[in-house]
Amino acid sequence: WSDSTIGFKKSNLVPNDGEYHLITDSFKIVGNPRFEERYYSNGNNDKWKRNPRVGQYEFMLVVCTDETIYKEVPQALQNIHLKNENHYVNPFDFFKFRISDDIKDLAVFGTESKLKIVANLTLKNGVYIDSSSYTSKEKSKYFCETCGATLQLHKSACFEQFKPFVSPENSFDNIPLIADIETEEFNRTDYYWYKNFIPTEERIRTIALGPRYACETVNYLPEKKLISIINPASKDSDLRKEISGIKTRHGFTYGKYQVKCKLTKLLNSSHMWNGITNAIWLLGQSTDPWNARRICKNGFIPEYMADSKTPLVATTSYSEIDFEIIKAQGYCPSNTYPPFFRQTTSKKQITSWLPILNEEFKADDGKVHITCTNWDMGCKDPSRYKAGCVPTQYGGSVFESFRYGTENSRGVTGGSMEYDSVLFGSPYFYFEIDWQPNQIIWRVGPEKNNMHVVCYMDSSYTTVPNNQMLLIIDQEFHNTKWWNGAIYDQWNIPFPAKDIEGLIYEVTIE
């Protein structure tokens, strides 16, 4: 009911006259309907911390008398916020299978029709800015009707600008060059020349930056009905490798996250990488205790930045499920990485420092790696948990996922090699993270009804998160020091000479 403290609701008096009588009422799907204490703060029921879930709902009508309720229906079934022996009770299970057919004055009716709940994240409502993330100087310079911190945007916008935290420890020494890779001002020969012959003292120490100004590189464009994200061009006086993206403002647990977009191409016609990683990913909405994951008997690594010496914990609020598309080789089988390396001997003799591609690499030269990662934070409860490449069957195919290094790593990664020209050279492409309680399926394709699976994992191998997450879509400059299998190093890629734009057309969760 609209007031979920009400259990069974008493109808008006129904005359025993042998006639049909119509009884009408209404109900509402609400957040935190069981009044779980973990979602309260300062005495308030923060329903947004336990949002309703998308998907298909089915309904059951139970009709009985006062006497039957008192004798046959436990309190935990009459009021969903109550527990039976410290557990919530599934009323569908009880009324379908646990209650005697001999009970008089009780009837149970199911419904053939189901209600499909879909979250259509409306782009036209604009992009909201969280003012606390920006200084007063950074806040309003680029504000407009469709991007800013107005009350209207706060009320209606489904997205806000993504401003990542970038640790200064992730700095790298970049080559002192601005170039347009898309038009081949910089190719593979240039890359290896700069890699081998530009000394550290001539390089520029930098980090991948978050957005400098609110709304400068992200906005909704009404005339095109899309959200644009831009990695801005650099100038001699303003060298930038700046991350650009958006994130949802409302968290969900489970669902098919579908994104229709045209993110930037990663390779030029000579297959040189532009330094961008296109990412569509889910991140835990909060690291506060209310958003904690289910208990891990063997213990979680507590947080993303924790090292191997950090004590394990029974639960953590950190969760992440990723699409990250980068110029890299797959992790499985293990002989596909690291890619080739060549010892430098002479500047004048190109063959001594320009690698010769082997046949396996040539076959994938125009491809990028769609990497799919589940950050299970090292929980060893799954029966098939182990390091290295692990195969899992799904839909008649075998998908290998890889836990790097030791069994104590935080996540597992799978994926597929796909042509960059298809993923990002098409007018648009669909990316889907199908997050279910016991499995995660990653799909891509040219249309919503024409996608193929590129990665699959289930709970026999990795712990699937069950807390609330936000969706992030961004174009990143990854520091490739920690990206095993990357073909090129970020610090040997020039600063961008032109804006690098990504377009987002549609986002749904169902």
Protein backbone atom coordinates (compact mmCIF):
# COMPACT_ATOMS: atom_id res chain seq x y z
CA TRP A 1 0.00 0.00 0.00
CA SER A 2 1.09 3.63 -0.19
CA ASP A 3 1.69 3.27 3.55
CA SER A 4 3.75 0.09 3.77
CA THR A 5 3.22 -0.18 7.53
CA ILE A 6 -0.22 -1.58 6.64
CA GLY A 7 -0.36 -5.35 6.24
CA PHE A 8 -3.65 -6.93 5.20
CA LYS A 9 -6.22 -4.24 4.46
CA LYS A 10 -9.84 -4.67 5.56
CA SER A 11 -12.48 -4.06 2.91
CA ASN A 12 -15.85 -2.45 3.46
CA LEU A 13 -18.65 -4.80 4.46
CA VAL A 14 -19.52 -7.14 1.59
CA PRO A 15 -23.21 -8.26 1.68
CA ASN A 16 -23.81 -12.00 1.58
CA ASP A 17 -26.37 -11.64 -1.21
CA GLY A 18 -24.97 -13.94 -3.89
CA GLU A 19 -24.04 -11.01 -6.11
CA TYR A 20 -20.65 -9.83 -7.41
CA HIS A 21 -19.21 -6.79 -5.62
CA LEU A 22 -16.33 -4.68 -6.92
CA ILE A 23 -13.62 -3.69 -4.44
CA THR A 24 -11.00 -1.19 -5.63
CA ASP A 25 -7.77 0.02 -4.09
CA SER A 26 -4.25 0.99 -5.13
CA PHE A 27 -0.69 0.22 -4.14
CA LYS A 28 2.69 1.81 -4.73
CA ILE A 29 6.22 0.47 -5.26
CA VAL A 30 8.43 2.44 -2.85
CA GLY A 31 11.99 2.53 -1.59
CA ASN A 32 12.97 0.74 1.62
CA PRO A 33 9.44 -0.63 2.20
CA ARG A 34 10.65 -2.86 5.06
CA PHE A 35 11.99 0.11 7.05
CA GLU A 36 15.45 -1.46 7.34
CA GLU A 37 17.46 0.51 9.88
CA ARG A 38 20.63 0.58 7.78
CA TYR A 39 18.92 3.00 5.37
CA TYR A 40 17.91 5.48 8.09
CA SER A 41 19.84 8.59 9.08
CA ASN A 42 18.89 11.11 11.78
CA GLY A 43 15.59 9.32 12.21
CA ASN A 44 14.61 9.65 8.55
CA ASN A 45 13.84 6.76 6.21
CA ASP A 46 16.18 7.57 3.30
CA LYS A 47 14.24 5.59 0.70
CA TRP A 48 16.72 6.48 -2.06
CA LYS A 49 19.31 4.27 -0.34
CA ARG A 50 17.17 1.22 -1.10
CA ASN A 51 15.52 2.22 -4.38
CA PRO A 52 12.89 0.01 -6.00
CA ARG A 53 14.38 -2.42 -8.50
CA VAL A 54 13.80 -2.51 -12.22
CA GLY A 55 12.62 -5.69 -13.92
CA GLN A 56 9.41 -7.70 -14.07
CA TYR A 57 7.01 -7.65 -11.14
CA GLU A 58 4.26 -10.17 -10.57
CA PHE A 59 1.37 -9.86 -8.15
CA MET A 60 -0.66 -12.01 -5.81
CA LEU A 61 -4.01 -11.30 -4.19
CA VAL A 62 -4.77 -13.05 -0.89
CA VAL A 63 -8.33 -12.84 0.44
CA CYS A 64 -9.32 -14.15 3.87
CA THR A 65 -11.25 -13.42 7.04
CA ASP A 66 -10.02 -11.82 10.26
CA GLU A 67 -10.12 -15.19 11.99
CA THR A 68 -8.00 -16.87 9.29
CA ILE A 69 -5.36 -14.15 9.47
CA TYR A 70 -5.13 -14.55 13.24
CA LYS A 71 -4.81 -18.35 13.17
CA GLU A 72 -2.93 -19.13 9.96
CA VAL A 73 -0.86 -16.17 8.75
CA PRO A 74 2.35 -15.35 10.68
CA GLN A 75 3.04 -11.76 11.61
CA ALA A 76 6.04 -11.67 9.26
CA LEU A 77 3.64 -12.36 6.38
CA GLN A 78 1.09 -9.82 7.51
CA ASN A 79 3.72 -7.07 7.73
CA ILE A 80 6.69 -7.31 5.36
CA HIS A 81 8.93 -5.23 7.62
CA LEU A 82 8.82 -7.90 10.36
CA LYS A 83 11.19 -10.90 10.49
CA ASN A 84 10.73 -14.56 11.32
CA GLU A 85 13.76 -15.99 13.18
CA ASN A 86 15.86 -13.02 12.06
CA HIS A 87 14.95 -13.44 8.38
CA TYR A 88 12.46 -11.76 6.08
CA VAL A 89 9.86 -14.14 4.66
CA ASN A 90 8.93 -14.46 0.99
CA PRO A 91 5.11 -14.20 0.88
CA PHE A 92 4.94 -15.79 -2.59
CA ASP A 93 6.70 -18.87 -1.28
CA PHE A 94 4.48 -19.04 1.80
CA PHE A 95 1.11 -18.67 0.09
CA LYS A 96 2.04 -20.91 -2.86
CA PHE A 97 3.76 -23.77 -1.04
CA ARG A 98 3.65 -23.48 2.76
CA ILE A 99 0.00 -22.93 3.62
CA SER A 100 -2.48 -25.81 3.81
CA ASP A 101 -5.07 -26.23 1.08
CA ASP A 102 -7.58 -27.24 3.78
CA ILE A 103 -7.78 -23.78 5.30
CA LYS A 104 -11.26 -22.35 4.90
CA ASP A 105 -11.99 -18.75 4.14
CA LEU A 106 -8.68 -18.15 2.31
CA ALA A 107 -8.20 -17.74 -1.43
CA VAL A 108 -4.98 -16.99 -3.33
CA PHE A 109 -5.05 -15.48 -6.82
CA GLY A 110 -2.06 -14.99 -9.08
CA THR A 111 -1.93 -12.79 -12.16
CA GLU A 112 -0.86 -13.82 -15.63
CA SER A 113 0.24 -10.30 -16.57
CA LYS A 114 3.45 -8.81 -15.23
CA LEU A 115 4.53 -5.22 -14.76
CA LYS A 116 7.85 -4.40 -16.41
CA ILE A 117 9.65 -1.55 -14.66
CA VAL A 118 12.21 0.30 -16.81
CA ALA A 119 14.29 3.32 -15.84
CA ASN A 120 14.51 5.56 -18.90
CA LEU A 121 17.19 8.07 -17.93
CA THR A 122 15.99 11.18 -19.75
CA LEU A 123 18.88 13.05 -21.38
CA LYS A 124 16.88 16.20 -22.16
CA ASN A 125 16.53 17.00 -18.47
CA GLY A 126 20.15 18.13 -18.60
CA VAL A 127 23.26 17.70 -16.46
CA TYR A 128 23.34 18.71 -12.81
CA ILE A 129 26.46 20.04 -11.12
CA ASP A 130 27.29 19.09 -7.55
CA SER A 131 28.61 22.44 -6.39
CA SER A 132 30.56 20.88 -3.54
CA SER A 133 32.87 19.27 -6.13
CA TYR A 134 34.07 22.60 -7.54
CA THR A 135 35.62 25.78 -6.19
CA SER A 136 33.71 29.04 -6.61
CA LYS A 137 35.95 29.93 -9.56
CA GLU A 138 35.26 26.61 -11.29
CA LYS A 139 31.51 26.52 -10.69
CA SER A 140 29.57 28.84 -12.91
CA LYS A 141 31.75 30.02 -15.82
CA TYR A 142 30.12 27.59 -18.27
CA PHE A 143 26.71 27.21 -16.63
CA CYS A 144 23.73 27.28 -18.99
CA GLU A 145 20.10 26.19 -19.07
CA THR A 146 20.96 22.52 -19.64
CA CYS A 147 24.01 22.25 -17.37
CA GLY A 148 24.41 23.83 -13.97
CA ALA A 149 23.32 23.85 -10.34
CA THR A 150 19.78 25.27 -10.60
CA LEU A 151 16.88 23.96 -8.54
CA GLN A 152 15.20 22.75 -11.72
CA LEU A 153 18.24 20.69 -12.75
CA HIS A 154 18.56 19.38 -9.20
CA LYS A 155 14.94 18.27 -9.35
CA SER A 156 14.85 16.71 -12.81
CA ALA A 157 18.34 15.87 -14.18
CA CYS A 158 19.16 12.15 -14.28
CA PHE A 159 22.89 12.82 -14.75
CA GLU A 160 25.65 14.89 -13.24
CA GLN A 161 29.14 15.64 -14.44
CA PHE A 162 31.64 12.95 -13.46
CA LYS A 163 34.60 14.34 -11.57
CA PRO A 164 37.01 11.52 -10.74
CA PHE A 165 39.58 11.52 -8.00
CA VAL A 166 43.02 11.16 -9.56
CA SER A 167 45.86 10.39 -7.18
CA PRO A 168 49.07 12.43 -7.67
CA GLU A 169 50.85 9.10 -7.27
CA ASN A 170 49.53 8.18 -10.72
CA SER A 171 51.65 10.82 -12.42
CA PHE A 172 53.60 10.01 -15.57
CA ASP A 173 56.30 11.70 -17.65
CA ASN A 174 54.67 12.64 -20.93
CA ILE A 175 56.48 13.40 -24.18
CA PRO A 176 56.51 17.18 -24.89
CA LEU A 177 54.32 17.04 -28.00
CA ILE A 178 50.84 18.13 -29.12
CA ALA A 179 49.54 16.18 -32.12
CA ASP A 180 46.33 15.10 -33.83
CA ILE A 181 46.51 11.32 -33.91
CA GLU A 182 43.24 11.03 -35.82
CA THR A 183 44.76 12.69 -38.90
CA GLU A 184 47.99 10.72 -38.44
CA GLU A 185 50.22 13.58 -37.39
CA PHE A 186 51.59 10.90 -35.07
CA ASN A 187 51.98 7.25 -36.07
CA ARG A 188 53.61 4.08 -34.77
CA THR A 189 57.08 5.05 -36.01
CA ASP A 190 56.78 8.39 -34.21
CA TYR A 191 55.63 6.60 -31.06
CA TYR A 192 58.67 4.33 -30.85
CA TRP A 193 61.06 7.14 -31.70
CA TYR A 194 59.73 9.26 -28.83
CA LYS A 195 59.56 6.23 -26.55
CA ASN A 196 63.21 5.39 -27.07
CA PHE A 197 64.91 8.76 -27.52
CA ILE A 198 63.14 11.40 -25.39
CA PRO A 199 64.92 11.41 -22.02
CA THR A 200 63.12 11.91 -18.73
CA GLU A 201 64.47 15.42 -18.22
CA GLU A 202 62.78 16.58 -21.44
CA ARG A 203 59.42 15.09 -20.53
CA ILE A 204 56.49 16.77 -18.78
CA ARG A 205 55.35 15.39 -15.42
CA THR A 206 51.54 15.29 -15.39
CA ILE A 207 48.51 13.29 -14.29
CA ALA A 208 45.22 12.54 -15.99
CA LEU A 209 43.07 15.46 -14.86
CA GLY A 210 39.45 15.70 -13.82
CA PRO A 211 37.31 18.45 -15.42
CA ARG A 212 38.73 21.90 -14.79
CA TYR A 213 35.44 23.77 -15.01
CA ALA A 214 31.89 22.60 -14.43
CA CYS A 215 29.97 22.19 -17.73
CA GLU A 216 32.99 23.10 -19.88
CA THR A 217 33.32 19.63 -21.40
CA VAL A 218 29.89 18.08 -20.71
CA ASN A 219 26.44 19.24 -21.80
CA TYR A 220 23.08 18.25 -23.23
CA LEU A 221 22.64 19.53 -26.80
CA PRO A 222 18.89 20.08 -27.42
CA GLU A 223 19.24 20.42 -31.19
CA LYS A 224 20.89 16.99 -31.43
CA LYS A 225 19.04 15.39 -28.50
CA LEU A 226 22.20 13.95 -26.97
CA ILE A 227 24.78 14.50 -24.26
CA SER A 228 28.24 15.46 -25.46
CA ILE A 229 31.40 14.68 -23.51
CA ILE A 230 34.69 16.24 -24.67
CA ASN A 231 38.33 15.66 -23.81
CA PRO A 232 39.61 19.18 -24.51
CA ALA A 233 42.46 20.03 -26.87
CA SER A 234 45.81 21.19 -25.52
CA LYS A 235 47.77 24.34 -26.23
CA ASP A 236 51.44 25.07 -25.60
CA SER A 237 50.40 27.08 -22.55
CA ASP A 238 47.76 24.58 -21.46
CA LEU A 239 48.80 20.93 -21.73
CA ARG A 240 45.93 18.66 -20.69
CA LYS A 241 44.95 15.03 -20.70
CA GLU A 242 41.55 15.60 -19.17
CA ILE A 243 38.94 12.95 -18.35
CA SER A 244 35.38 13.72 -19.44
CA GLY A 245 32.15 11.97 -18.57
CA ILE A 246 28.80 11.78 -16.80
CA LYS A 247 27.34 9.64 -14.04
CA THR A 248 23.81 8.83 -12.97
CA ARG A 249 22.39 10.48 -9.87
CA HIS A 250 20.22 7.59 -8.70
CA GLY A 251 21.53 4.18 -7.73
CA PHE A 252 20.00 0.80 -8.48
CA THR A 253 20.71 -2.82 -7.60
CA TYR A 254 20.71 -5.22 -10.57
CA GLY A 255 19.31 -4.64 -14.05
CA LYS A 256 20.29 -4.47 -17.71
CA TYR A 257 22.23 -1.24 -18.15
CA GLN A 258 22.01 -0.33 -21.85
CA VAL A 259 23.89 2.60 -23.40
CA LYS A 260 23.47 3.77 -27.00
CA CYS A 261 26.47 5.94 -27.82
CA LYS A 262 29.17 6.94 -30.26
CA LEU A 263 32.27 7.27 -28.16
CA THR A 264 35.53 8.35 -29.78
CA LYS A 265 37.47 6.09 -32.10
CA LEU A 266 40.60 4.89 -30.32
CA LEU A 267 42.77 4.16 -33.38
CA ASN A 268 43.63 6.05 -36.56
CA SER A 269 43.94 4.37 -39.95
CA SER A 270 47.49 3.25 -39.14
CA HIS A 271 46.13 1.73 -35.90
CA MET A 272 47.92 4.16 -33.61
CA TRP A 273 46.17 4.64 -30.23
CA ASN A 274 45.02 8.12 -29.16
CA GLY A 275 45.52 7.42 -25.43
CA ILE A 276 41.81 7.28 -24.59
CA THR A 277 40.05 4.43 -22.80
CA ASN A 278 36.30 4.41 -23.44
CA ALA A 279 34.58 3.29 -20.26
CA ILE A 280 31.00 2.36 -19.34
CA TRP A 281 30.97 1.15 -15.76
CA LEU A 282 29.10 0.73 -12.51
CA LEU A 283 30.49 2.03 -9.22
CA GLY A 284 29.16 1.64 -5.69
CA GLN A 285 26.96 4.64 -4.89
CA SER A 286 28.52 5.13 -1.47
CA THR A 287 31.26 3.63 0.66
CA ASP A 288 29.18 4.25 3.80
CA PRO A 289 27.93 1.24 5.82
CA TRP A 290 24.36 1.52 4.50
CA ASN A 291 25.64 0.41 1.10
CA ALA A 292 27.57 -2.62 2.37
CA ARG A 293 27.69 -5.80 0.31
CA ARG A 294 26.60 -9.21 1.57
CA ILE A 295 28.86 -10.97 4.07
CA CYS A 296 31.95 -12.77 2.73
CA LYS A 297 32.87 -15.68 5.01
CA ASN A 298 36.51 -15.62 3.91
CA GLY A 299 36.75 -11.84 4.01
CA PHE A 300 36.91 -8.94 1.53
CA ILE A 301 39.83 -6.66 0.76
CA PRO A 302 38.22 -3.57 2.34
CA GLU A 303 38.73 -0.91 -0.33
CA TYR A 304 40.11 -0.18 -3.78
CA MET A 305 43.41 1.30 -2.57
CA ALA A 306 44.08 -1.28 0.17
CA ASP A 307 47.34 -3.19 -0.11
CA SER A 308 47.98 -6.90 0.43
CA LYS A 309 48.85 -6.36 4.09
CA THR A 310 45.48 -4.78 4.95
CA PRO A 311 43.36 -7.06 7.19
CA LEU A 312 40.34 -8.61 5.50
CA VAL A 313 36.82 -7.56 6.53
CA ALA A 314 33.47 -9.39 6.57
CA THR A 315 31.86 -6.81 4.29
CA THR A 316 32.76 -3.77 2.21
CA SER A 317 30.81 -1.08 0.39
CA TYR A 318 33.20 -0.98 -2.56
CA SER A 319 31.85 -2.51 -5.76
CA GLU A 320 32.56 -1.99 -9.46
CA ILE A 321 31.60 -3.63 -12.77
CA ASP A 322 33.36 -2.33 -15.88
CA PHE A 323 33.44 -2.03 -19.61
CA GLU A 324 36.87 -0.55 -20.41
CA ILE A 325 37.88 -0.48 -24.07
CA ILE A 326 41.58 0.08 -24.68
CA LYS A 327 44.31 -0.81 -27.17
CA ALA A 328 45.57 -3.95 -25.45
CA GLN A 329 45.93 -7.68 -25.87
CA GLY A 330 43.64 -10.10 -24.07
CA TYR A 331 44.80 -11.68 -20.81
CA CYS A 332 43.73 -15.18 -21.85
CA PRO A 333 45.40 -17.32 -23.00
CA SER A 334 48.36 -16.13 -20.96
CA ASN A 335 50.77 -16.17 -23.92
CA THR A 336 49.03 -13.20 -25.58
CA TYR A 337 50.62 -10.63 -23.26
CA PRO A 338 52.77 -8.72 -22.52
CA PRO A 339 53.11 -7.47 -26.09
CA PHE A 340 56.41 -7.34 -27.95
CA PHE A 341 59.37 -5.28 -26.71
CA ARG A 342 62.59 -4.46 -28.50
CA GLN A 343 66.00 -3.41 -27.20
CA THR A 344 67.17 -0.07 -28.61
CA THR A 345 70.60 0.04 -30.27
CA SER A 346 70.88 2.91 -32.74
CA LYS A 347 68.83 6.04 -33.51
CA LYS A 348 69.86 5.90 -37.14
CA GLN A 349 68.92 2.28 -37.68
CA ILE A 350 65.12 2.14 -37.55
CA THR A 351 64.94 -1.65 -37.53
CA SER A 352 66.78 -1.67 -34.21
CA TRP A 353 64.06 0.23 -32.34
CA LEU A 354 60.86 -0.14 -34.41
CA PRO A 355 59.28 -3.51 -33.49
CA ILE A 356 58.29 -5.94 -36.18
CA LEU A 357 54.76 -7.23 -35.68
CA ASN A 358 54.32 -10.96 -35.34
CA GLU A 359 51.46 -12.63 -37.20
CA GLU A 360 49.24 -12.94 -34.13
CA PHE A 361 49.56 -9.24 -33.38
CA LYS A 362 48.99 -8.27 -37.03
CA ALA A 363 45.66 -10.09 -36.96
CA ASP A 364 44.51 -7.91 -34.06
CA ASP A 365 46.20 -4.68 -35.18
CA GLY A 366 42.94 -2.88 -36.01
CA LYS A 367 41.20 -4.25 -32.93
CA VAL A 368 40.86 -2.99 -29.39
CA HIS A 369 40.24 -5.05 -26.29
CA ILE A 370 36.81 -4.84 -24.69
CA THR A 371 37.76 -5.58 -21.12
CA CYS A 372 35.06 -6.61 -18.66
CA THR A 373 35.92 -6.51 -14.97
CA ASN A 374 34.11 -7.43 -11.78
CA TRP A 375 35.75 -6.08 -8.64
CA ASP A 376 34.91 -8.86 -6.19
CA MET A 377 37.46 -7.52 -3.69
CA GLY A 378 39.15 -10.89 -3.33
CA CYS A 379 36.26 -12.72 -1.66
CA LYS A 380 37.22 -16.41 -1.83
CA ASP A 381 33.78 -17.84 -1.04
CA PRO A 382 32.99 -18.96 -4.65
CA SER A 383 33.79 -22.65 -5.22
CA ARG A 384 35.85 -22.01 -8.40
CA TYR A 385 37.81 -19.02 -7.08
CA LYS A 386 41.43 -19.03 -8.23
CA ALA A 387 44.11 -16.97 -9.98
CA GLY A 388 44.98 -17.13 -13.67
CA CYS A 389 42.63 -17.89 -16.57
CA VAL A 390 39.38 -19.61 -15.64
CA PRO A 391 36.82 -20.78 -18.25
CA THR A 392 33.07 -20.50 -17.72
CA GLN A 393 30.43 -21.89 -20.06
CA TYR A 394 27.44 -19.80 -21.07
CA GLY A 395 25.04 -20.04 -24.00
CA GLY A 396 27.03 -22.74 -25.74
CA SER A 397 30.30 -20.76 -25.59
CA VAL A 398 33.25 -20.66 -23.20
CA PHE A 399 34.35 -17.33 -21.74
CA GLU A 400 37.70 -17.03 -19.98
CA SER A 401 38.30 -14.56 -17.18
CA PHE A 402 41.59 -13.71 -15.55
CA ARG A 403 42.59 -12.94 -11.98
CA TYR A 404 45.95 -11.24 -12.25
CA GLY A 405 48.94 -12.16 -10.10
CA THR A 406 47.96 -13.92 -6.90
CA GLU A 407 44.67 -15.13 -5.52
CA ASN A 408 44.56 -11.99 -3.38
CA SER A 409 43.83 -9.58 -6.25
CA ARG A 410 40.72 -7.42 -6.08
CA GLY A 411 39.05 -8.30 -9.36
CA VAL A 412 38.68 -10.54 -12.39
CA THR A 413 38.82 -9.47 -16.04
CA GLY A 414 37.57 -11.07 -19.24
CA GLY A 415 36.79 -9.69 -22.64
CA SER A 416 36.99 -9.83 -26.39
CA MET A 417 39.02 -8.37 -29.24
CA GLU A 418 36.78 -6.27 -31.51
CA TYR A 419 37.38 -3.90 -34.42
CA ASP A 420 37.66 -0.27 -33.34
CA SER A 421 36.12 0.84 -36.64
CA VAL A 422 32.98 -1.17 -35.86
CA LEU A 423 32.59 -0.20 -32.19
CA PHE A 424 33.31 3.49 -32.63
CA GLY A 425 33.31 4.11 -36.38
CA SER A 426 29.60 3.29 -36.69
CA PRO A 427 26.94 6.01 -36.25
CA TYR A 428 26.26 4.49 -32.81
CA PHE A 429 26.72 1.23 -30.91
CA TYR A 430 25.03 -0.44 -27.93
CA PHE A 431 26.81 -1.57 -24.77
CA GLU A 432 25.02 -3.59 -22.09
CA ILE A 433 25.96 -4.71 -18.58
CA ASP A 434 23.40 -7.32 -17.54
CA TRP A 435 23.86 -7.46 -13.77
CA GLN A 436 21.89 -10.24 -12.07
CA PRO A 437 22.09 -11.66 -8.51
CA ASN A 438 24.18 -14.67 -9.57
CA GLN A 439 25.80 -13.65 -12.86
CA ILE A 440 27.06 -10.74 -14.97
CA ILE A 441 26.79 -10.70 -18.78
CA TRP A 442 28.50 -8.09 -20.96
CA ARG A 443 27.04 -7.53 -24.46
CA VAL A 444 27.70 -5.20 -27.41
CA GLY A 445 26.01 -4.77 -30.77
CA PRO A 446 24.81 -2.43 -33.51
CA GLU A 447 21.20 -2.49 -32.29
CA LYS A 448 19.37 -3.14 -29.05
CA ASN A 449 17.96 -6.43 -30.37
CA ASN A 450 21.22 -7.45 -32.04
CA MET A 451 23.93 -7.77 -29.40
CA HIS A 452 26.42 -10.54 -28.75
CA VAL A 453 28.05 -11.64 -25.50
CA VAL A 454 31.69 -10.57 -25.05
CA CYS A 455 32.14 -11.72 -21.44
CA TYR A 456 30.40 -13.81 -18.82
CA MET A 457 30.99 -14.51 -15.12
CA ASP A 458 28.89 -16.22 -12.47
CA SER A 459 28.86 -16.61 -8.70
CA SER A 460 30.61 -19.98 -8.80
CA TYR A 461 33.77 -18.09 -9.78
CA THR A 462 33.43 -14.52 -8.55
CA THR A 463 31.32 -12.74 -5.93
CA VAL A 464 28.58 -10.70 -7.62
CA PRO A 465 27.86 -7.41 -5.80
CA ASN A 466 24.40 -6.80 -4.34
CA ASN A 467 24.66 -3.19 -3.22
CA GLN A 468 23.48 -0.02 -4.97
CA MET A 469 25.56 1.34 -7.84
CA LEU A 470 25.74 4.33 -10.20
CA LEU A 471 26.45 4.20 -13.94
CA ILE A 472 29.40 6.19 -15.32
CA ILE A 473 30.15 6.86 -19.00
CA ASP A 474 33.46 8.55 -19.71
CA GLN A 475 36.49 8.90 -21.95
CA GLU A 476 39.60 8.48 -19.80
CA PHE A 477 43.34 8.86 -20.10
CA HIS A 478 44.39 5.74 -18.22
CA ASN A 479 47.79 5.56 -16.64
CA THR A 480 48.99 2.40 -18.35
CA LYS A 481 51.55 1.65 -15.61
CA TRP A 482 48.86 -0.47 -14.01
CA TRP A 483 47.23 -1.78 -17.17
CA ASN A 484 48.94 -5.06 -17.95
CA GLY A 485 48.61 -5.97 -21.61
CA ALA A 486 48.49 -2.38 -22.90
CA ILE A 487 50.25 -2.12 -26.26
CA TYR A 488 51.28 1.51 -25.83
CA ASP A 489 52.37 3.57 -22.82
CA GLN A 490 50.27 6.62 -21.98
CA TRP A 491 53.36 8.76 -21.41
CA ASN A 492 54.53 8.23 -24.99
CA ILE A 493 51.22 9.42 -26.48
CA PRO A 494 51.10 13.16 -27.37
CA PHE A 495 48.72 15.67 -25.83
CA PRO A 496 45.57 16.02 -28.00
CA ALA A 497 45.66 18.79 -30.62
CA LYS A 498 41.87 18.74 -31.09
CA ASP A 499 38.83 18.19 -28.91
CA ILE A 500 37.96 14.49 -28.63
CA GLU A 501 34.17 14.12 -28.48
CA GLY A 502 31.89 11.29 -27.40
CA LEU A 503 28.11 11.29 -27.96
CA ILE A 504 25.52 9.63 -25.71
CA TYR A 505 22.09 9.04 -27.26
CA GLU A 506 20.19 6.85 -24.85
CA VAL A 507 20.52 5.20 -21.42
CA THR A 508 18.03 2.70 -20.03
CA ILE A 509 18.00 0.25 -17.12
CA GLU A 510 15.56 -2.62 -17.30
